[in-house]
N, C-alpha and C. Protein backbone atom coordinates (compact mmCIF):
# COMPACT_ATOMS: atom_id res chain seq x y z
N MET A 1 141.84 107.18 144.04
CA MET A 1 141.29 106.19 143.15
C MET A 1 140.09 106.76 142.37
N PHE A 2 139.24 107.50 143.04
CA PHE A 2 138.08 108.10 142.40
C PHE A 2 138.51 109.05 141.28
N GLU A 3 139.60 109.78 141.51
CA GLU A 3 140.09 110.70 140.49
C GLU A 3 140.60 109.95 139.26
N ARG A 4 141.21 108.81 139.45
CA ARG A 4 141.68 108.01 138.31
C ARG A 4 140.49 107.49 137.50
N LEU A 5 139.42 107.10 138.17
CA LEU A 5 138.23 106.67 137.46
C LEU A 5 137.63 107.82 136.64
N LEU A 6 137.56 108.99 137.24
CA LEU A 6 137.06 110.15 136.51
C LEU A 6 137.93 110.45 135.30
N THR A 7 139.21 110.32 135.44
CA THR A 7 140.13 110.56 134.32
C THR A 7 139.85 109.58 133.19
N LEU A 8 139.60 108.32 133.54
CA LEU A 8 139.29 107.32 132.52
C LEU A 8 138.02 107.67 131.76
N PHE A 9 136.99 108.11 132.48
CA PHE A 9 135.72 108.44 131.84
C PHE A 9 135.79 109.72 131.02
N ASN A 10 136.64 110.63 131.43
CA ASN A 10 136.74 111.91 130.74
C ASN A 10 137.75 111.92 129.61
N SER A 11 138.55 110.88 129.50
CA SER A 11 139.54 110.80 128.42
C SER A 11 138.84 110.44 127.12
N PRO A 12 139.22 111.11 126.04
CA PRO A 12 138.61 110.76 124.75
C PRO A 12 139.05 109.36 124.34
N ALA A 13 138.15 108.67 123.67
CA ALA A 13 138.47 107.32 123.18
C ALA A 13 139.54 107.43 122.11
N PRO A 14 140.49 106.51 122.10
CA PRO A 14 141.51 106.57 121.06
C PRO A 14 140.89 106.33 119.69
N ARG A 15 141.31 107.12 118.72
CA ARG A 15 140.78 106.99 117.36
C ARG A 15 141.48 105.85 116.65
N GLN A 16 140.70 105.09 115.91
CA GLN A 16 141.29 104.06 115.09
C GLN A 16 141.86 104.70 113.84
N ALA A 17 142.98 104.18 113.40
CA ALA A 17 143.60 104.69 112.19
C ALA A 17 142.69 104.36 111.00
N LEU A 18 142.53 105.33 110.13
CA LEU A 18 141.70 105.12 108.94
C LEU A 18 142.53 104.44 107.86
N PRO A 19 141.89 103.62 107.04
CA PRO A 19 142.63 102.96 105.96
C PRO A 19 143.03 103.97 104.89
N GLU A 20 144.09 103.66 104.18
CA GLU A 20 144.47 104.44 103.01
C GLU A 20 143.40 104.25 101.96
N PRO A 21 142.89 105.31 101.37
CA PRO A 21 141.81 105.13 100.40
C PRO A 21 142.29 104.45 99.11
N ASP A 22 141.55 103.42 98.72
CA ASP A 22 141.72 102.80 97.42
C ASP A 22 140.56 103.31 96.55
N ALA A 23 140.39 102.75 95.37
CA ALA A 23 139.33 103.23 94.48
C ALA A 23 137.95 103.08 95.11
N LYS A 24 137.72 101.98 95.86
CA LYS A 24 136.41 101.76 96.48
C LYS A 24 136.12 102.79 97.56
N LEU A 25 137.11 103.03 98.43
CA LEU A 25 136.91 104.03 99.49
C LEU A 25 136.88 105.44 98.92
N ALA A 26 137.66 105.68 97.86
CA ALA A 26 137.63 107.00 97.22
C ALA A 26 136.25 107.29 96.65
N LEU A 27 135.64 106.28 96.02
CA LEU A 27 134.27 106.46 95.51
C LEU A 27 133.32 106.77 96.65
N GLY A 28 133.35 105.98 97.70
CA GLY A 28 132.46 106.21 98.83
C GLY A 28 132.66 107.57 99.46
N THR A 29 133.90 107.99 99.58
CA THR A 29 134.20 109.29 100.17
C THR A 29 133.69 110.42 99.28
N LEU A 30 133.86 110.28 97.98
CA LEU A 30 133.32 111.30 97.07
C LEU A 30 131.80 111.34 97.10
N LEU A 31 131.16 110.17 97.24
CA LEU A 31 129.70 110.15 97.36
C LEU A 31 129.27 110.92 98.61
N VAL A 32 129.94 110.69 99.72
CA VAL A 32 129.62 111.38 100.97
C VAL A 32 129.86 112.87 100.83
N ARG A 33 131.00 113.24 100.27
CA ARG A 33 131.31 114.67 100.11
C ARG A 33 130.31 115.36 99.19
N THR A 34 129.88 114.66 98.17
CA THR A 34 128.88 115.24 97.26
C THR A 34 127.57 115.48 98.02
N ALA A 35 127.16 114.50 98.81
CA ALA A 35 125.93 114.64 99.59
C ALA A 35 126.04 115.77 100.61
N MET A 36 127.22 115.97 101.15
CA MET A 36 127.43 116.99 102.18
C MET A 36 127.71 118.38 101.60
N ALA A 37 127.93 118.48 100.30
CA ALA A 37 128.33 119.74 99.69
C ALA A 37 127.34 120.87 99.92
N ASP A 38 126.06 120.54 100.03
CA ASP A 38 125.03 121.57 100.23
C ASP A 38 124.72 121.80 101.71
N LYS A 39 125.53 121.19 102.58
CA LYS A 39 125.37 121.33 104.03
C LYS A 39 124.09 120.70 104.56
N ALA A 40 123.49 119.81 103.76
CA ALA A 40 122.28 119.09 104.18
C ALA A 40 122.46 117.63 103.81
N TYR A 41 122.95 116.85 104.74
CA TYR A 41 123.21 115.42 104.52
C TYR A 41 121.98 114.67 105.01
N VAL A 42 121.08 114.38 104.08
CA VAL A 42 119.76 113.86 104.44
C VAL A 42 119.64 112.36 104.23
N PHE A 43 118.60 111.78 104.80
CA PHE A 43 118.37 110.34 104.78
C PHE A 43 118.39 109.77 103.37
N GLU A 44 117.72 110.42 102.43
CA GLU A 44 117.65 109.91 101.06
C GLU A 44 119.04 109.78 100.44
N GLU A 45 119.92 110.72 100.75
CA GLU A 45 121.28 110.66 100.24
C GLU A 45 122.06 109.51 100.89
N VAL A 46 121.91 109.37 102.19
CA VAL A 46 122.57 108.28 102.91
C VAL A 46 122.09 106.94 102.36
N GLN A 47 120.80 106.82 102.18
CA GLN A 47 120.21 105.59 101.65
C GLN A 47 120.77 105.28 100.26
N GLN A 48 120.87 106.30 99.42
CA GLN A 48 121.40 106.11 98.06
C GLN A 48 122.87 105.71 98.11
N ILE A 49 123.64 106.33 98.97
CA ILE A 49 125.06 105.98 99.11
C ILE A 49 125.20 104.52 99.52
N ASP A 50 124.41 104.09 100.49
CA ASP A 50 124.45 102.69 100.92
C ASP A 50 124.11 101.74 99.78
N LYS A 51 123.11 102.09 98.98
CA LYS A 51 122.73 101.25 97.84
C LYS A 51 123.88 101.15 96.83
N ILE A 52 124.50 102.28 96.55
CA ILE A 52 125.60 102.30 95.59
C ILE A 52 126.78 101.47 96.10
N LEU A 53 127.14 101.69 97.37
CA LEU A 53 128.26 100.94 97.94
C LEU A 53 127.97 99.44 97.97
N ALA A 54 126.75 99.07 98.32
CA ALA A 54 126.38 97.65 98.36
C ALA A 54 126.49 97.03 96.98
N ALA A 55 125.95 97.70 95.98
CA ALA A 55 125.98 97.16 94.62
C ALA A 55 127.40 97.11 94.05
N ALA A 56 128.17 98.16 94.28
CA ALA A 56 129.52 98.24 93.71
C ALA A 56 130.50 97.28 94.36
N ASN A 57 130.23 96.90 95.60
CA ASN A 57 131.20 96.10 96.34
C ASN A 57 130.66 94.76 96.83
N ALA A 58 129.48 94.37 96.36
CA ALA A 58 128.83 93.12 96.77
C ALA A 58 128.74 93.01 98.29
N LEU A 59 128.18 94.07 98.89
CA LEU A 59 128.04 94.13 100.35
C LEU A 59 126.58 93.97 100.76
N ASN A 60 126.37 93.44 101.96
CA ASN A 60 125.02 93.44 102.50
C ASN A 60 124.76 94.83 103.10
N PRO A 61 123.54 95.14 103.50
CA PRO A 61 123.23 96.50 103.99
C PRO A 61 124.07 96.94 105.19
N ILE A 62 124.36 96.03 106.10
CA ILE A 62 125.16 96.40 107.27
C ILE A 62 126.60 96.69 106.87
N GLU A 63 127.16 95.87 106.00
CA GLU A 63 128.52 96.10 105.52
C GLU A 63 128.61 97.42 104.75
N ALA A 64 127.59 97.72 103.96
CA ALA A 64 127.57 98.98 103.21
C ALA A 64 127.51 100.17 104.16
N ALA A 65 126.71 100.06 105.22
CA ALA A 65 126.61 101.15 106.20
C ALA A 65 127.94 101.34 106.93
N ARG A 66 128.62 100.25 107.23
CA ARG A 66 129.95 100.35 107.87
C ARG A 66 130.95 101.02 106.93
N MET A 67 130.90 100.64 105.68
CA MET A 67 131.80 101.26 104.70
C MET A 67 131.50 102.75 104.58
N ARG A 68 130.21 103.09 104.54
CA ARG A 68 129.83 104.51 104.47
C ARG A 68 130.35 105.26 105.68
N ALA A 69 130.27 104.66 106.87
CA ALA A 69 130.77 105.32 108.08
C ALA A 69 132.27 105.59 107.97
N THR A 70 133.01 104.65 107.42
CA THR A 70 134.44 104.86 107.19
C THR A 70 134.64 106.00 106.20
N CYS A 71 133.84 106.01 105.15
CA CYS A 71 133.94 107.07 104.13
C CYS A 71 133.56 108.43 104.71
N GLU A 72 132.60 108.46 105.62
CA GLU A 72 132.23 109.72 106.27
C GLU A 72 133.41 110.27 107.07
N GLU A 73 134.12 109.39 107.75
CA GLU A 73 135.30 109.83 108.52
C GLU A 73 136.41 110.29 107.57
N LEU A 74 136.62 109.55 106.49
CA LEU A 74 137.61 109.98 105.49
C LEU A 74 137.22 111.33 104.91
N ALA A 75 135.94 111.54 104.66
CA ALA A 75 135.47 112.81 104.11
C ALA A 75 135.78 113.97 105.04
N ARG A 76 135.76 113.72 106.34
CA ARG A 76 136.08 114.77 107.30
C ARG A 76 137.58 115.02 107.39
N GLN A 77 138.38 114.00 107.12
CA GLN A 77 139.82 114.12 107.38
C GLN A 77 140.68 114.37 106.16
N LEU A 78 140.25 113.90 104.99
CA LEU A 78 141.09 114.08 103.80
C LEU A 78 140.88 115.47 103.23
N PRO A 79 141.96 116.09 102.79
CA PRO A 79 141.85 117.49 102.40
C PRO A 79 141.33 117.76 100.99
N ASP A 80 141.49 116.85 100.04
CA ASP A 80 141.26 117.24 98.66
C ASP A 80 140.42 116.24 97.87
N ASP A 81 139.37 116.75 97.23
CA ASP A 81 138.52 115.91 96.39
C ASP A 81 139.25 115.43 95.14
N THR A 82 140.13 116.28 94.60
CA THR A 82 140.81 115.90 93.37
C THR A 82 141.73 114.70 93.60
N ASP A 83 142.33 114.60 94.78
CA ASP A 83 143.18 113.44 95.08
C ASP A 83 142.36 112.15 95.04
N LEU A 84 141.15 112.20 95.55
CA LEU A 84 140.28 111.03 95.53
C LEU A 84 139.91 110.65 94.10
N ALA A 85 139.61 111.66 93.29
CA ALA A 85 139.28 111.39 91.89
C ALA A 85 140.47 110.79 91.15
N VAL A 86 141.67 111.26 91.46
CA VAL A 86 142.87 110.72 90.82
C VAL A 86 143.07 109.25 91.19
N ILE A 87 142.79 108.90 92.44
CA ILE A 87 142.90 107.49 92.85
C ILE A 87 141.99 106.64 91.98
N ILE A 88 140.76 107.10 91.76
CA ILE A 88 139.82 106.35 90.93
C ILE A 88 140.30 106.32 89.48
N ARG A 89 140.68 107.48 88.96
CA ARG A 89 141.12 107.57 87.56
C ARG A 89 142.29 106.62 87.28
N ASP A 90 143.23 106.55 88.22
CA ASP A 90 144.41 105.72 88.01
C ASP A 90 144.17 104.24 88.29
N SER A 91 143.00 103.89 88.82
CA SER A 91 142.75 102.51 89.24
C SER A 91 141.73 101.77 88.38
N VAL A 92 140.87 102.49 87.69
CA VAL A 92 139.78 101.81 86.97
C VAL A 92 139.71 102.29 85.53
N ASP A 93 139.00 101.53 84.70
CA ASP A 93 138.86 101.88 83.30
C ASP A 93 137.80 102.98 83.12
N TYR A 94 137.69 103.44 81.87
CA TYR A 94 136.79 104.56 81.57
C TYR A 94 135.33 104.23 81.92
N ALA A 95 134.91 103.03 81.63
CA ALA A 95 133.51 102.66 81.91
C ALA A 95 133.21 102.77 83.41
N GLU A 96 134.14 102.36 84.25
CA GLU A 96 133.92 102.47 85.70
C GLU A 96 133.99 103.93 86.16
N ARG A 97 134.84 104.73 85.52
CA ARG A 97 134.88 106.16 85.86
C ARG A 97 133.55 106.81 85.49
N LEU A 98 133.00 106.41 84.35
CA LEU A 98 131.69 106.91 83.95
C LEU A 98 130.63 106.46 84.96
N GLY A 99 130.75 105.23 85.43
CA GLY A 99 129.84 104.74 86.48
C GLY A 99 129.96 105.55 87.76
N THR A 100 131.16 106.01 88.05
CA THR A 100 131.38 106.88 89.22
C THR A 100 130.60 108.17 89.06
N VAL A 101 130.66 108.76 87.87
CA VAL A 101 129.92 110.01 87.62
C VAL A 101 128.43 109.77 87.77
N GLU A 102 127.94 108.66 87.23
CA GLU A 102 126.51 108.35 87.37
C GLU A 102 126.14 108.18 88.85
N ALA A 103 126.99 107.50 89.61
CA ALA A 103 126.72 107.31 91.04
C ALA A 103 126.68 108.66 91.77
N LEU A 104 127.58 109.56 91.42
CA LEU A 104 127.58 110.88 92.04
C LEU A 104 126.28 111.62 91.72
N TRP A 105 125.82 111.52 90.47
CA TRP A 105 124.55 112.17 90.11
C TRP A 105 123.38 111.53 90.85
N ARG A 106 123.43 110.22 91.09
CA ARG A 106 122.35 109.57 91.85
C ARG A 106 122.26 110.16 93.26
N VAL A 107 123.40 110.45 93.85
CA VAL A 107 123.40 111.06 95.18
C VAL A 107 122.87 112.48 95.12
N VAL A 108 123.31 113.24 94.12
CA VAL A 108 122.83 114.63 93.97
C VAL A 108 121.32 114.65 93.82
N LEU A 109 120.77 113.73 93.06
CA LEU A 109 119.34 113.72 92.77
C LEU A 109 118.50 113.02 93.83
N ALA A 110 119.13 112.35 94.77
CA ALA A 110 118.41 111.51 95.74
C ALA A 110 117.40 112.29 96.58
N ASP A 111 117.71 113.52 96.93
CA ASP A 111 116.80 114.27 97.80
C ASP A 111 115.82 115.14 97.02
N GLY A 112 115.86 115.04 95.69
CA GLY A 112 114.92 115.79 94.87
C GLY A 112 115.33 117.23 94.62
N VAL A 113 116.50 117.63 95.13
CA VAL A 113 116.98 119.00 94.97
C VAL A 113 118.37 118.95 94.37
N THR A 114 118.57 119.61 93.22
CA THR A 114 119.89 119.68 92.61
C THR A 114 120.53 120.99 93.05
N ASP A 115 121.36 120.90 94.06
CA ASP A 115 122.05 122.07 94.59
C ASP A 115 123.26 122.40 93.72
N THR A 116 123.52 123.67 93.51
CA THR A 116 124.64 124.07 92.66
C THR A 116 125.98 123.64 93.23
N ARG A 117 126.10 123.59 94.56
CA ARG A 117 127.38 123.17 95.17
C ARG A 117 127.64 121.69 94.90
N GLU A 118 126.58 120.87 94.96
CA GLU A 118 126.72 119.45 94.65
C GLU A 118 127.09 119.26 93.18
N ALA A 119 126.38 119.97 92.30
CA ALA A 119 126.64 119.86 90.86
C ALA A 119 128.06 120.32 90.53
N ALA A 120 128.52 121.37 91.18
CA ALA A 120 129.87 121.86 90.94
C ALA A 120 130.92 120.83 91.36
N LEU A 121 130.67 120.13 92.45
CA LEU A 121 131.61 119.09 92.88
C LEU A 121 131.63 117.95 91.87
N VAL A 122 130.47 117.56 91.37
CA VAL A 122 130.43 116.50 90.35
C VAL A 122 131.20 116.95 89.11
N ASP A 123 131.03 118.20 88.70
CA ASP A 123 131.76 118.72 87.54
C ASP A 123 133.27 118.66 87.76
N LEU A 124 133.72 119.03 88.95
CA LEU A 124 135.15 118.98 89.29
C LEU A 124 135.67 117.55 89.22
N VAL A 125 134.94 116.64 89.83
CA VAL A 125 135.36 115.24 89.86
C VAL A 125 135.35 114.66 88.45
N GLU A 126 134.31 114.97 87.70
CA GLU A 126 134.20 114.49 86.31
C GLU A 126 135.42 114.90 85.51
N ASP A 127 135.85 116.15 85.68
CA ASP A 127 137.03 116.65 84.97
C ASP A 127 138.28 115.88 85.40
N GLN A 128 138.44 115.67 86.69
CA GLN A 128 139.61 114.94 87.21
C GLN A 128 139.60 113.48 86.78
N LEU A 129 138.42 112.91 86.60
CA LEU A 129 138.31 111.52 86.16
C LEU A 129 138.59 111.37 84.67
N GLY A 130 138.58 112.48 83.94
CA GLY A 130 138.79 112.43 82.50
C GLY A 130 137.57 111.96 81.73
N VAL A 131 136.38 112.22 82.29
CA VAL A 131 135.13 111.83 81.64
C VAL A 131 134.67 112.97 80.74
N ALA A 132 134.36 112.64 79.51
CA ALA A 132 133.89 113.65 78.54
C ALA A 132 132.56 114.24 78.99
N ARG A 133 132.36 115.51 78.70
CA ARG A 133 131.14 116.22 79.10
C ARG A 133 129.90 115.52 78.54
N SER A 134 129.95 115.09 77.30
CA SER A 134 128.78 114.43 76.71
C SER A 134 128.47 113.12 77.43
N ASP A 135 129.51 112.39 77.83
CA ASP A 135 129.29 111.16 78.59
C ASP A 135 128.73 111.45 79.98
N SER A 136 129.19 112.55 80.58
CA SER A 136 128.67 112.93 81.88
C SER A 136 127.20 113.30 81.81
N GLU A 137 126.81 113.99 80.75
CA GLU A 137 125.40 114.34 80.58
C GLU A 137 124.54 113.09 80.43
N ALA A 138 125.07 112.10 79.71
CA ALA A 138 124.35 110.83 79.57
C ALA A 138 124.27 110.11 80.92
N ALA A 139 125.35 110.18 81.70
CA ALA A 139 125.35 109.56 83.02
C ALA A 139 124.34 110.26 83.94
N ARG A 140 124.25 111.58 83.83
CA ARG A 140 123.27 112.31 84.64
C ARG A 140 121.85 111.89 84.27
N ALA A 141 121.59 111.77 82.97
CA ALA A 141 120.26 111.35 82.51
C ALA A 141 119.94 109.94 83.00
N ALA A 142 120.95 109.06 83.01
CA ALA A 142 120.74 107.68 83.46
C ALA A 142 120.55 107.61 84.97
N ALA A 143 120.99 108.63 85.68
CA ALA A 143 120.94 108.61 87.15
C ALA A 143 119.59 109.01 87.70
N VAL A 144 118.66 109.41 86.87
CA VAL A 144 117.35 109.85 87.35
C VAL A 144 116.71 108.73 88.17
N ILE A 145 116.31 109.09 89.37
CA ILE A 145 115.71 108.12 90.30
C ILE A 145 114.20 108.20 90.17
N PRO A 146 113.54 107.08 89.84
CA PRO A 146 112.08 107.12 89.65
C PRO A 146 111.34 107.44 90.93
C-alpha cells in the first residue's frame, strides 16, 4: 500500500489539453514569444502583456493573467510563429493587424531595452500579417511607453 501511495505522489500530473489557438490566443502567444525572444522574460513585459490582453479581450486582471498562462504554454508547445501570424491575418482586418504590431512593440519596449532578437521577431510577424513597413514604423512610434 505504501508503494502505491509513493507511485501516486511521484506520477506527473496529467496535462490539460491546450485550446486550438484563435486570433486572441495567437496574439497572446506572439506577445509571450516576443518577450521571451531575448531569453529574459521580465516583470515589465509580463505586466504589459497582461494589460494588452485585458484591454483587447475585456478581461479583468486575473482573467488576463490566466489567458497569459495559457499563451505561455502555447508558446512552449507550438512550433511556428508564422502560423500564429497567419491565424491573425486570416481572422481580423488590417486595422487590428496593425494593432497587433503596436502591441508587439509595446512588449519589446516594456523593459526599456530593444533587443535585436525581439525586433527581428516583430519584423517577421509584421511581414506575415501583411502590414506595410511605414505603418509598422508608425505603430512602433505609437507604442512608446511613457
